Amino acid sequence: MRILLDACVPRGLRRSLVGHDISIPREMGWNKLPDGLLLDGMSGVFDVLVTVDRSIQFQQRLRGRTFAVILLRAKSNKLIDLLPLVPALLLALDEVKPGEMREVKV
């Protein structure tokens, strides 16, 4: 699965997502793009956006996109707080469908 880790997600999380093709906006040259353009650029390139941005569902149109969005809800966006979510995140990655938004929390 092709996954984009949002800029607000620590890059170290990618080590826990073995078996998936993980990118970050900086590697794509997208680190300066506003959220709307970043989401538009993801179509046909990525299957899932993993983010901790709780407002994305209210600020951006997500329904009907060709990719899914998984929102990680933890105490903070620090790797130490996100690592306990990895088992649920991996399960969500197997189940989520394009255009769907799913929350993963403890």
PDB file of N, CA and C in Angstrom:
ATOM      1  N   MET A   1       0.844  -1.173   0.000  1.00  0.00           N
ATOM      2  CA  MET A   1       0.000   0.000   0.000  1.00  0.00           C
ATOM      3  C   MET A   1       0.892   1.240   0.000  1.00  0.00           C
ATOM      4  N   ARG A   2       0.503   2.230  -0.764  1.00  0.00           N
ATOM      5  CA  ARG A   2       1.252   3.492  -0.857  1.00  0.00           C
ATOM      6  C   ARG A   2       0.669   4.491   0.144  1.00  0.00           C
ATOM      7  N   ILE A   3       1.496   4.865   1.107  1.00  0.00           N
ATOM      8  CA  ILE A   3       1.048   5.706   2.215  1.00  0.00           C
ATOM      9  C   ILE A   3       1.858   6.995   2.254  1.00  0.00           C
ATOM     10  N   LEU A   4       1.153   8.105   2.441  1.00  0.00           N
ATOM     11  CA  LEU A   4       1.812   9.390   2.682  1.00  0.00           C
ATOM     12  C   LEU A   4       1.622   9.726   4.148  1.00  0.00           C
ATOM     13  N   LEU A   5       2.734   9.878   4.876  1.00  0.00           N
ATOM     14  CA  LEU A   5       2.688  10.346   6.263  1.00  0.00           C
ATOM     15  C   LEU A   5       2.667  11.864   6.206  1.00  0.00           C
ATOM     16  N   ASP A   6       1.622  12.469   6.732  1.00  0.00           N
ATOM     17  CA  ASP A   6       1.502  13.917   6.751  1.00  0.00           C
ATOM     18  C   ASP A   6       2.712  14.519   7.461  1.00  0.00           C
ATOM     19  N   ALA A   7       3.003  15.769   7.156  1.00  0.00           N
ATOM     20  CA  ALA A   7       4.173  16.442   7.727  1.00  0.00           C
ATOM     21  C   ALA A   7       4.106  16.512   9.250  1.00  0.00           C
ATOM     22  N   CYS A   8       2.922  16.433   9.829  1.00  0.00           N
ATOM     23  CA  CYS A   8       2.761  16.514  11.283  1.00  0.00           C
ATOM     24  C   CYS A   8       2.968  15.163  11.975  1.00  0.00           C
ATOM     25  N   VAL A   9       3.223  14.118  11.205  1.00  0.00           N
ATOM     26  CA  VAL A   9       3.474  12.781  11.753  1.00  0.00           C
ATOM     27  C   VAL A   9       4.983  12.545  11.760  1.00  0.00           C
ATOM     28  N   PRO A  10       5.552  12.103  12.877  1.00  0.00           N
ATOM     29  CA  PRO A  10       6.997  11.859  12.919  1.00  0.00           C
ATOM     30  C   PRO A  10       7.425  10.820  11.880  1.00  0.00           C
ATOM     31  N   ARG A  11       8.501  11.128  11.179  1.00  0.00           N
ATOM     32  CA  ARG A  11       9.010  10.212  10.145  1.00  0.00           C
ATOM     33  C   ARG A  11       9.364   8.842  10.699  1.00  0.00           C
ATOM     34  N   GLY A  12       9.746   8.784  11.968  1.00  0.00           N
ATOM     35  CA  GLY A  12      10.123   7.516  12.587  1.00  0.00           C
ATOM     36  C   GLY A  12       9.011   6.485  12.607  1.00  0.00           C
ATOM     37  N   LEU A  13       7.770   6.926  12.428  1.00  0.00           N
ATOM     38  CA  LEU A  13       6.647   5.995  12.409  1.00  0.00           C
ATOM     39  C   LEU A  13       6.753   5.037  11.225  1.00  0.00           C
ATOM     40  N   ARG A  14       7.417   5.461  10.188  1.00  0.00           N
ATOM     41  CA  ARG A  14       7.518   4.614   8.988  1.00  0.00           C
ATOM     42  C   ARG A  14       8.206   3.286   9.281  1.00  0.00           C
ATOM     43  N   ARG A  15       9.103   3.254  10.262  1.00  0.00           N
ATOM     44  CA  ARG A  15       9.790   1.993  10.603  1.00  0.00           C
ATOM     45  C   ARG A  15       8.819   0.940  11.139  1.00  0.00           C
ATOM     46  N   SER A  16       7.685   1.381  11.662  1.00  0.00           N
ATOM     47  CA  SER A  16       6.692   0.458  12.215  1.00  0.00           C
ATOM     48  C   SER A  16       5.692  -0.024  11.172  1.00  0.00           C
ATOM     49  N   LEU A  17       5.752   0.503   9.972  1.00  0.00           N
ATOM     50  CA  LEU A  17       4.789   0.160   8.924  1.00  0.00           C
ATOM     51  C   LEU A  17       5.441  -0.695   7.840  1.00  0.00           C
ATOM     52  N   VAL A  18       6.104  -1.740   8.274  1.00  0.00           N
ATOM     53  CA  VAL A  18       6.822  -2.648   7.384  1.00  0.00           C
ATOM     54  C   VAL A  18       5.857  -3.261   6.371  1.00  0.00           C
ATOM     55  N   GLY A  19       6.314  -3.367   5.140  1.00  0.00           N
ATOM     56  CA  GLY A  19       5.506  -3.966   4.085  1.00  0.00           C
ATOM     57  C   GLY A  19       4.701  -2.957   3.286  1.00  0.00           C
ATOM     58  N   HIS A  20       4.803  -1.687   3.665  1.00  0.00           N
ATOM     59  CA  HIS A  20       4.099  -0.633   2.949  1.00  0.00           C
ATOM     60  C   HIS A  20       5.111   0.329   2.342  1.00  0.00           C
ATOM     61  N   ASP A  21       4.717   0.986   1.277  1.00  0.00           N
ATOM     62  CA  ASP A  21       5.548   1.993   0.613  1.00  0.00           C
ATOM     63  C   ASP A  21       5.202   3.345   1.242  1.00  0.00           C
ATOM     64  N   ILE A  22       6.092   3.872   2.073  1.00  0.00           N
ATOM     65  CA  ILE A  22       5.832   5.075   2.859  1.00  0.00           C
ATOM     66  C   ILE A  22       6.632   6.251   2.309  1.00  0.00           C
ATOM     67  N   SER A  23       5.958   7.378   2.146  1.00  0.00           N
ATOM     68  CA  SER A  23       6.614   8.625   1.729  1.00  0.00           C
ATOM     69  C   SER A  23       6.199   9.740   2.672  1.00  0.00           C
ATOM     70  N   ILE A  24       6.946  10.827   2.621  1.00  0.00           N
ATOM     71  CA  ILE A  24       6.606  12.031   3.369  1.00  0.00           C
ATOM     72  C   ILE A  24       6.571  13.192   2.376  1.00  0.00           C
ATOM     73  N   PRO A  25       5.822  14.254   2.685  1.00  0.00           N
ATOM     74  CA  PRO A  25       5.703  15.362   1.733  1.00  0.00           C
ATOM     75  C   PRO A  25       7.047  15.927   1.279  1.00  0.00           C
ATOM     76  N   ARG A  26       8.015  16.019   2.170  1.00  0.00           N
ATOM     77  CA  ARG A  26       9.320  16.581   1.813  1.00  0.00           C
ATOM     78  C   ARG A  26       9.988  15.776   0.695  1.00  0.00           C
ATOM     79  N   GLU A  27       9.898  14.454   0.755  1.00  0.00           N
ATOM     80  CA  GLU A  27      10.484  13.597  -0.285  1.00  0.00           C
ATOM     81  C   GLU A  27       9.807  13.805  -1.638  1.00  0.00           C
ATOM     82  N   MET A  28       8.539  14.183  -1.601  1.00  0.00           N
ATOM     83  CA  MET A  28       7.774  14.392  -2.824  1.00  0.00           C
ATOM     84  C   MET A  28       7.928  15.813  -3.358  1.00  0.00           C
ATOM     85  N   GLY A  29       8.595  16.680  -2.588  1.00  0.00           N
ATOM     86  CA  GLY A  29       8.675  18.086  -2.962  1.00  0.00           C
ATOM     87  C   GLY A  29       7.378  18.822  -2.671  1.00  0.00           C
ATOM     88  N   TRP A  30       6.552  18.245  -1.779  1.00  0.00           N
ATOM     89  CA  TRP A  30       5.240  18.795  -1.465  1.00  0.00           C
ATOM     90  C   TRP A  30       5.191  19.479  -0.108  1.00  0.00           C
ATOM     91  N   ASN A  31       6.325  19.659   0.562  1.00  0.00           N
ATOM     92  CA  ASN A  31       6.322  20.169   1.932  1.00  0.00           C
ATOM     93  C   ASN A  31       5.828  21.608   2.042  1.00  0.00           C
ATOM     94  N   LYS A  32       5.779  22.364   0.987  1.00  0.00           N
ATOM     95  CA  LYS A  32       5.306  23.749   1.024  1.00  0.00           C
ATOM     96  C   LYS A  32       3.861  23.890   0.532  1.00  0.00           C
ATOM     97  N   LEU A  33       3.261  22.791   0.081  1.00  0.00           N
ATOM     98  CA  LEU A  33       1.900  22.848  -0.467  1.00  0.00           C
ATOM     99  C   LEU A  33       0.866  23.022   0.645  1.00  0.00           C
ATOM    100  N   PRO A  34      -0.154  23.859   0.406  1.00  0.00           N
ATOM    101  CA  PRO A  34      -1.279  23.896   1.349  1.00  0.00           C
ATOM    102  C   PRO A  34      -2.024  22.558   1.292  1.00  0.00           C
ATOM    103  N   ASP A  35      -2.769  22.257   2.351  1.00  0.00           N
ATOM    104  CA  ASP A  35      -3.435  20.949   2.456  1.00  0.00           C
ATOM    105  C   ASP A  35      -4.276  20.588   1.236  1.00  0.00           C
ATOM    106  N   GLY A  36      -5.040  21.519   0.708  1.00  0.00           N
ATOM    107  CA  GLY A  36      -5.904  21.227  -0.434  1.00  0.00           C
ATOM    108  C   GLY A  36      -5.122  20.756  -1.651  1.00  0.00           C
ATOM    109  N   LEU A  37      -4.028  21.425  -1.956  1.00  0.00           N
ATOM    110  CA  LEU A  37      -3.206  21.034  -3.106  1.00  0.00           C
ATOM    111  C   LEU A  37      -2.481  19.714  -2.840  1.00  0.00           C
ATOM    112  N   LEU A  38      -2.066  19.499  -1.605  1.00  0.00           N
ATOM    113  CA  LEU A  38      -1.420  18.240  -1.248  1.00  0.00           C
ATOM    114  C   LEU A  38      -2.403  17.084  -1.455  1.00  0.00           C
ATOM    115  N   LEU A  39      -3.630  17.258  -1.007  1.00  0.00           N
ATOM    116  CA  LEU A  39      -4.645  16.217  -1.195  1.00  0.00           C
ATOM    117  C   LEU A  39      -4.936  15.985  -2.673  1.00  0.00           C
ATOM    118  N   ASP A  40      -5.009  17.054  -3.456  1.00  0.00           N
ATOM    119  CA  ASP A  40      -5.231  16.904  -4.902  1.00  0.00           C
ATOM    120  C   ASP A  40      -4.083  16.126  -5.545  1.00  0.00           C
ATOM    121  N   GLY A  41      -2.855  16.392  -5.123  1.00  0.00           N
ATOM    122  CA  GLY A  41      -1.684  15.716  -5.687  1.00  0.00           C
ATOM    123  C   GLY A  41      -1.610  14.240  -5.323  1.00  0.00           C
ATOM    124  N   MET A  42      -2.256  13.858  -4.251  1.00  0.00           N
ATOM    125  CA  MET A  42      -2.224  12.460  -3.812  1.00  0.00           C
ATOM    126  C   MET A  42      -3.021  11.528  -4.719  1.00  0.00           C
ATOM    127  N   SER A  43      -4.016  12.045  -5.404  1.00  0.00           N
ATOM    128  CA  SER A  43      -4.898  11.209  -6.230  1.00  0.00           C
ATOM    129  C   SER A  43      -4.099  10.423  -7.259  1.00  0.00           C
ATOM    130  N   GLY A  44      -4.297   9.133  -7.266  1.00  0.00           N
ATOM    131  CA  GLY A  44      -3.618   8.258  -8.213  1.00  0.00           C
ATOM    132  C   GLY A  44      -2.181   7.936  -7.851  1.00  0.00           C
ATOM    133  N   VAL A  45      -1.670   8.569  -6.790  1.00  0.00           N
ATOM    134  CA  VAL A  45      -0.286   8.339  -6.375  1.00  0.00           C
ATOM    135  C   VAL A  45      -0.235   7.554  -5.062  1.00  0.00           C
ATOM    136  N   PHE A  46      -1.134   7.890  -4.131  1.00  0.00           N
ATOM    137  CA  PHE A  46      -1.154   7.257  -2.815  1.00  0.00           C
ATOM    138  C   PHE A  46      -2.509   6.627  -2.542  1.00  0.00           C
ATOM    139  N   ASP A  47      -2.491   5.630  -1.655  1.00  0.00           N
ATOM    140  CA  ASP A  47      -3.714   4.948  -1.235  1.00  0.00           C
ATOM    141  C   ASP A  47      -4.263   5.520   0.068  1.00  0.00           C
ATOM    142  N   VAL A  48      -3.366   6.021   0.923  1.00  0.00           N
ATOM    143  CA  VAL A  48      -3.769   6.478   2.248  1.00  0.00           C
ATOM    144  C   VAL A  48      -2.913   7.659   2.687  1.00  0.00           C
ATOM    145  N   LEU A  49      -3.555   8.618   3.350  1.00  0.00           N
ATOM    146  CA  LEU A  49      -2.866   9.687   4.073  1.00  0.00           C
ATOM    147  C   LEU A  49      -3.011   9.384   5.556  1.00  0.00           C
ATOM    148  N   VAL A  50      -1.897   9.335   6.267  1.00  0.00           N
ATOM    149  CA  VAL A  50      -1.911   9.160   7.716  1.00  0.00           C
ATOM    150  C   VAL A  50      -1.551  10.507   8.323  1.00  0.00           C
ATOM    151  N   THR A  51      -2.434  11.020   9.192  1.00  0.00           N
ATOM    152  CA  THR A  51      -2.253  12.350   9.754  1.00  0.00           C
ATOM    153  C   THR A  51      -2.629  12.372  11.229  1.00  0.00           C
ATOM    154  N   VAL A  52      -2.232  13.416  11.929  1.00  0.00           N
ATOM    155  CA  VAL A  52      -2.695  13.693  13.292  1.00  0.00           C
ATOM    156  C   VAL A  52      -3.472  15.007  13.309  1.00  0.00           C
ATOM    157  N   ASP A  53      -3.705  15.576  12.155  1.00  0.00           N
ATOM    158  CA  ASP A  53      -4.407  16.856  12.009  1.00  0.00           C
ATOM    159  C   ASP A  53      -5.905  16.648  12.225  1.00  0.00           C
ATOM    160  N   ARG A  54      -6.379  16.949  13.431  1.00  0.00           N
ATOM    161  CA  ARG A  54      -7.778  16.707  13.795  1.00  0.00           C
ATOM    162  C   ARG A  54      -8.759  17.589  13.032  1.00  0.00           C
ATOM    163  N   SER A  55      -8.291  18.673  12.462  1.00  0.00           N
ATOM    164  CA  SER A  55      -9.200  19.585  11.763  1.00  0.00           C
ATOM    165  C   SER A  55      -9.321  19.279  10.269  1.00  0.00           C
ATOM    166  N   ILE A  56      -8.552  18.352   9.756  1.00  0.00           N
ATOM    167  CA  ILE A  56      -8.546  18.100   8.312  1.00  0.00           C
ATOM    168  C   ILE A  56      -9.938  17.733   7.795  1.00  0.00           C
ATOM    169  N   GLN A  57     -10.694  16.984   8.568  1.00  0.00           N
ATOM    170  CA  GLN A  57     -12.022  16.559   8.108  1.00  0.00           C
ATOM    171  C   GLN A  57     -13.003  17.721   8.019  1.00  0.00           C
ATOM    172  N   PHE A  58     -12.729  18.807   8.719  1.00  0.00           N
ATOM    173  CA  PHE A  58     -13.608  19.975   8.685  1.00  0.00           C
ATOM    174  C   PHE A  58     -13.133  21.036   7.694  1.00  0.00           C
ATOM    175  N   GLN A  59     -11.838  21.013   7.378  1.00  0.00           N
ATOM    176  CA  GLN A  59     -11.264  22.035   6.514  1.00  0.00           C
ATOM    177  C   GLN A  59     -11.116  21.599   5.058  1.00  0.00           C
ATOM    178  N   GLN A  60     -11.150  20.293   4.807  1.00  0.00           N
ATOM    179  CA  GLN A  60     -10.915  19.786   3.457  1.00  0.00           C
ATOM    180  C   GLN A  60     -12.022  18.826   3.044  1.00  0.00           C
ATOM    181  N   ARG A  61     -12.267  18.764   1.744  1.00  0.00           N
ATOM    182  CA  ARG A  61     -13.225  17.799   1.207  1.00  0.00           C
ATOM    183  C   ARG A  61     -12.508  16.457   1.068  1.00  0.00           C
ATOM    184  N   LEU A  62     -12.954  15.466   1.839  1.00  0.00           N
ATOM    185  CA  LEU A  62     -12.317  14.151   1.824  1.00  0.00           C
ATOM    186  C   LEU A  62     -13.170  13.105   1.118  1.00  0.00           C
ATOM    187  N   ARG A  63     -14.478  13.258   1.197  1.00  0.00           N
ATOM    188  CA  ARG A  63     -15.389  12.294   0.568  1.00  0.00           C
ATOM    189  C   ARG A  63     -15.186  12.310  -0.951  1.00  0.00           C
ATOM    190  N   GLY A  64     -15.156  11.122  -1.529  1.00  0.00           N
ATOM    191  CA  GLY A  64     -15.015  11.010  -2.977  1.00  0.00           C
ATOM    192  C   GLY A  64     -13.574  11.015  -3.467  1.00  0.00           C
ATOM    193  N   ARG A  65     -12.622  11.122  -2.566  1.00  0.00           N
ATOM    194  CA  ARG A  65     -11.208  11.078  -2.965  1.00  0.00           C
ATOM    195  C   ARG A  65     -10.827   9.645  -3.347  1.00  0.00           C
ATOM    196  N   THR A  66      -9.750   9.509  -4.097  1.00  0.00           N
ATOM    197  CA  THR A  66      -9.293   8.191  -4.529  1.00  0.00           C
ATOM    198  C   THR A  66      -8.414   7.516  -3.489  1.00  0.00           C
ATOM    199  N   PHE A  67      -8.264   8.146  -2.338  1.00  0.00           N
ATOM    200  CA  PHE A  67      -7.443   7.597  -1.256  1.00  0.00           C
ATOM    201  C   PHE A  67      -8.219   7.749   0.050  1.00  0.00           C
ATOM    202  N   ALA A  68      -7.779   7.020   1.056  1.00  0.00           N
ATOM    203  CA  ALA A  68      -8.384   7.096   2.390  1.00  0.00           C
ATOM    204  C   ALA A  68      -7.534   7.999   3.278  1.00  0.00           C
ATOM    205  N   VAL A  69      -8.129   8.443   4.371  1.00  0.00           N
ATOM    206  CA  VAL A  69      -7.421   9.234   5.371  1.00  0.00           C
ATOM    207  C   VAL A  69      -7.568   8.527   6.707  1.00  0.00           C
ATOM    208  N   ILE A  70      -6.443   8.325   7.377  1.00  0.00           N
ATOM    209  CA  ILE A  70      -6.460   7.755   8.722  1.00  0.00           C
ATOM    210  C   ILE A  70      -5.928   8.812   9.676  1.00  0.00           C
ATOM    211  N   LEU A  71      -6.764   9.147  10.649  1.00  0.00           N
ATOM    212  CA  LEU A  71      -6.425  10.147  11.656  1.00  0.00           C
ATOM    213  C   LEU A  71      -5.980   9.433  12.920  1.00  0.00           C
ATOM    214  N   LEU A  72      -4.737   9.679  13.326  1.00  0.00           N
ATOM    215  CA  LEU A  72      -4.213   9.117  14.559  1.00  0.00           C
ATOM    216  C   LEU A  72      -4.534  10.071  15.701  1.00  0.00           C
ATOM    217  N   ARG A  73      -5.190   9.565  16.738  1.00  0.00           N
ATOM    218  CA  ARG A  73      -5.558  10.392  17.896  1.00  0.00           C
ATOM    219  C   ARG A  73      -4.785   9.890  19.107  1.00  0.00           C
ATOM    220  N   ALA A  74      -3.850  10.699  19.544  1.00  0.00           N
ATOM    221  CA  ALA A  74      -3.022  10.362  20.705  1.00  0.00           C
ATOM    222  C   ALA A  74      -2.831  11.626  21.539  1.00  0.00           C
ATOM    223  N   LYS A  75      -2.164  11.470  22.659  1.00  0.00           N
ATOM    224  CA  LYS A  75      -1.912  12.599  23.562  1.00  0.00           C
ATOM    225  C   LYS A  75      -1.148  13.711  22.855  1.00  0.00           C
ATOM    226  N   SER A  76      -0.231  13.326  21.986  1.00  0.00           N
ATOM    227  CA  SER A  76       0.546  14.294  21.210  1.00  0.00           C
ATOM    228  C   SER A  76       0.947  13.638  19.893  1.00  0.00           C
ATOM    229  N   ASN A  77       1.645  14.379  19.063  1.00  0.00           N
ATOM    230  CA  ASN A  77       2.130  13.792  17.815  1.00  0.00           C
ATOM    231  C   ASN A  77       3.559  13.282  17.953  1.00  0.00           C
ATOM    232  N   LYS A  78       4.029  13.120  19.161  1.00  0.00           N
ATOM    233  CA  LYS A  78       5.367  12.548  19.384  1.00  0.00           C
ATOM    234  C   LYS A  78       5.318  11.053  19.120  1.00  0.00           C
ATOM    235  N   LEU A  79       6.426  10.549  18.587  1.00  0.00           N
ATOM    236  CA  LEU A  79       6.516   9.136  18.232  1.00  0.00           C
ATOM    237  C   LEU A  79       6.165   8.241  19.412  1.00  0.00           C
ATOM    238  N   ILE A  80       6.638   8.561  20.584  1.00  0.00           N
ATOM    239  CA  ILE A  80       6.386   7.748  21.784  1.00  0.00           C
ATOM    240  C   ILE A  80       4.884   7.613  22.065  1.00  0.00           C
ATOM    241  N   ASP A  81       4.109   8.645  21.745  1.00  0.00           N
ATOM    242  CA  ASP A  81       2.662   8.600  21.959  1.00  0.00           C
ATOM    243  C   ASP A  81       1.924   7.911  20.815  1.00  0.00           C
ATOM    244  N   LEU A  82       2.525   7.890  19.625  1.00  0.00           N
ATOM    245  CA  LEU A  82       1.876   7.273  18.460  1.00  0.00           C
ATOM    246  C   LEU A  82       2.164   5.777  18.339  1.00  0.00           C
ATOM    247  N   LEU A  83       3.289   5.324  18.851  1.00  0.00           N
ATOM    248  CA  LEU A  83       3.652   3.910  18.698  1.00  0.00           C
ATOM    249  C   LEU A  83       2.606   2.940  19.254  1.00  0.00           C
ATOM    250  N   PRO A  84       1.939   3.242  20.383  1.00  0.00           N
ATOM    251  CA  PRO A  84       0.898   2.306  20.840  1.00  0.00           C
ATOM    252  C   PRO A  84      -0.275   2.159  19.869  1.00  0.00           C
ATOM    253  N   LEU A  85      -0.418   3.073  18.930  1.00  0.00           N
ATOM    254  CA  LEU A  85      -1.500   3.006  17.947  1.00  0.00           C
ATOM    255  C   LEU A  85      -1.166   2.126  16.746  1.00  0.00           C
ATOM    256  N   VAL A  86       0.079   1.704  16.615  1.00  0.00           N
ATOM    257  CA  VAL A  86       0.519   0.986  15.417  1.00  0.00           C
ATOM    258  C   VAL A  86      -0.303  -0.276  15.140  1.00  0.00           C
ATOM    259  N   PRO A  87      -0.587  -1.146  16.114  1.00  0.00           N
ATOM    260  CA  PRO A  87      -1.391  -2.331  15.775  1.00  0.00           C
ATOM    261  C   PRO A  87      -2.762  -1.966  15.192  1.00  0.00           C
ATOM    262  N   ALA A  88      -3.431  -0.982  15.778  1.00  0.00           N
ATOM    263  CA  ALA A  88      -4.736  -0.554  15.251  1.00  0.00           C
ATOM    264  C   ALA A  88      -4.579   0.135  13.904  1.00  0.00           C
ATOM    265  N   LEU A  89      -3.487   0.862  13.718  1.00  0.00           N
ATOM    266  CA  LEU A  89      -3.221   1.512  12.432  1.00  0.00           C
ATOM    267  C   LEU A  89      -3.032   0.464  11.340  1.00  0.00           C
ATOM    268  N   LEU A  90      -2.259  -0.569  11.616  1.00  0.00           N
ATOM    269  CA  LEU A  90      -2.038  -1.620  10.614  1.00  0.00           C
ATOM    270  C   LEU A  90      -3.351  -2.308  10.248  1.00  0.00           C
ATOM    271  N   LEU A  91      -4.196  -2.535  11.225  1.00  0.00           N
ATOM    272  CA  LEU A  91      -5.511  -3.125  10.957  1.00  0.00           C
ATOM    273  C   LEU A  91      -6.354  -2.184  10.100  1.00  0.00           C
ATOM    274  N   ALA A  92      -6.350  -0.895  10.439  1.00  0.00           N
ATOM    275  CA  ALA A  92      -7.104   0.096   9.662  1.00  0.00           C
ATOM    276  C   ALA A  92      -6.603   0.163   8.225  1.00  0.00           C
ATOM    277  N   LEU A  93      -5.305   0.054   8.030  1.00  0.00           N
ATOM    278  CA  LEU A  93      -4.746   0.089   6.672  1.00  0.00           C
ATOM    279  C   LEU A  93      -5.271  -1.073   5.833  1.00  0.00           C
ATOM    280  N   ASP A  94      -5.495  -2.213   6.467  1.00  0.00           N
ATOM    281  CA  ASP A  94      -6.028  -3.379   5.747  1.00  0.00           C
ATOM    282  C   ASP A  94      -7.501  -3.222   5.399  1.00  0.00           C
ATOM    283  N   GLU A  95      -8.223  -2.430   6.184  1.00  0.00           N
ATOM    284  CA  GLU A  95      -9.672  -2.351   6.033  1.00  0.00           C
ATOM    285  C   GLU A  95     -10.191  -1.106   5.324  1.00  0.00           C
ATOM    286  N   VAL A  96      -9.458  -0.009   5.408  1.00  0.00           N
ATOM    287  CA  VAL A  96      -9.959   1.286   4.934  1.00  0.00           C
ATOM    288  C   VAL A  96     -10.133   1.285   3.413  1.00  0.00           C
ATOM    289  N   LYS A  97     -11.135   2.035   2.972  1.00  0.00           N
ATOM    290  CA  LYS A  97     -11.461   2.113   1.539  1.00  0.00           C
ATOM    291  C   LYS A  97     -11.251   3.543   1.033  1.00  0.00           C
ATOM    292  N   PRO A  98     -11.004   3.715  -0.263  1.00  0.00           N
ATOM    293  CA  PRO A  98     -10.838   5.064  -0.819  1.00  0.00           C
ATOM    294  C   PRO A  98     -12.030   5.958  -0.481  1.00  0.00           C
ATOM    295  N   GLY A  99     -11.745   7.197  -0.153  1.00  0.00           N
ATOM    296  CA  GLY A  99     -12.778   8.167   0.187  1.00  0.00           C
ATOM    297  C   GLY A  99     -13.228   8.116   1.635  1.00  0.00           C
ATOM    298  N   GLU A 100     -12.725   7.128   2.372  1.00  0.00           N
ATOM    299  CA  GLU A 100     -13.124   6.949   3.764  1.00  0.00           C
ATOM    300  C   GLU A 100     -12.148   7.657   4.703  1.00  0.00           C
ATOM    301  N   MET A 101     -12.680   8.153   5.800  1.00  0.00           N
ATOM    302  CA  MET A 101     -11.857   8.723   6.874  1.00  0.00           C
ATOM    303  C   MET A 101     -12.052   7.831   8.085  1.00  0.00           C
ATOM    304  N   ARG A 102     -10.956   7.418   8.682  1.00  0.00           N
ATOM    305  CA  ARG A 102     -11.027   6.544   9.843  1.00  0.00           C
ATOM    306  C   ARG A 102     -10.143   7.091  10.947  1.00  0.00           C
ATOM    307  N   GLU A 103     -10.636   7.055  12.186  1.00  0.00           N
ATOM    308  CA  GLU A 103      -9.846   7.467  13.349  1.00  0.00           C
ATOM    309  C   GLU A 103      -9.270   6.247  14.012  1.00  0.00           C
ATOM    310  N   VAL A 104      -8.017   6.362  14.440  1.00  0.00           N
ATOM    311  CA  VAL A 104      -7.355   5.305  15.197  1.00  0.00           C
ATOM    312  C   VAL A 104      -6.925   5.932  16.514  1.00  0.00           C
ATOM    313  N   LYS A 105      -7.418   5.344  17.607  1.00  0.00           N
ATOM    314  CA  LYS A 105      -7.078   5.851  18.935  1.00  0.00           C
ATOM    315  C   LYS A 105      -6.996   4.704  19.917  1.00  0.00           C
ATOM    316  N   VAL A 106      -6.426   4.996  21.083  1.00  0.00           N
ATOM    317  CA  VAL A 106      -6.316   3.969  22.119  1.00  0.00           C
ATOM    318  C   VAL A 106      -7.580   3.889  22.927  1.00  0.00           C
TER     319      VAL A 106
END
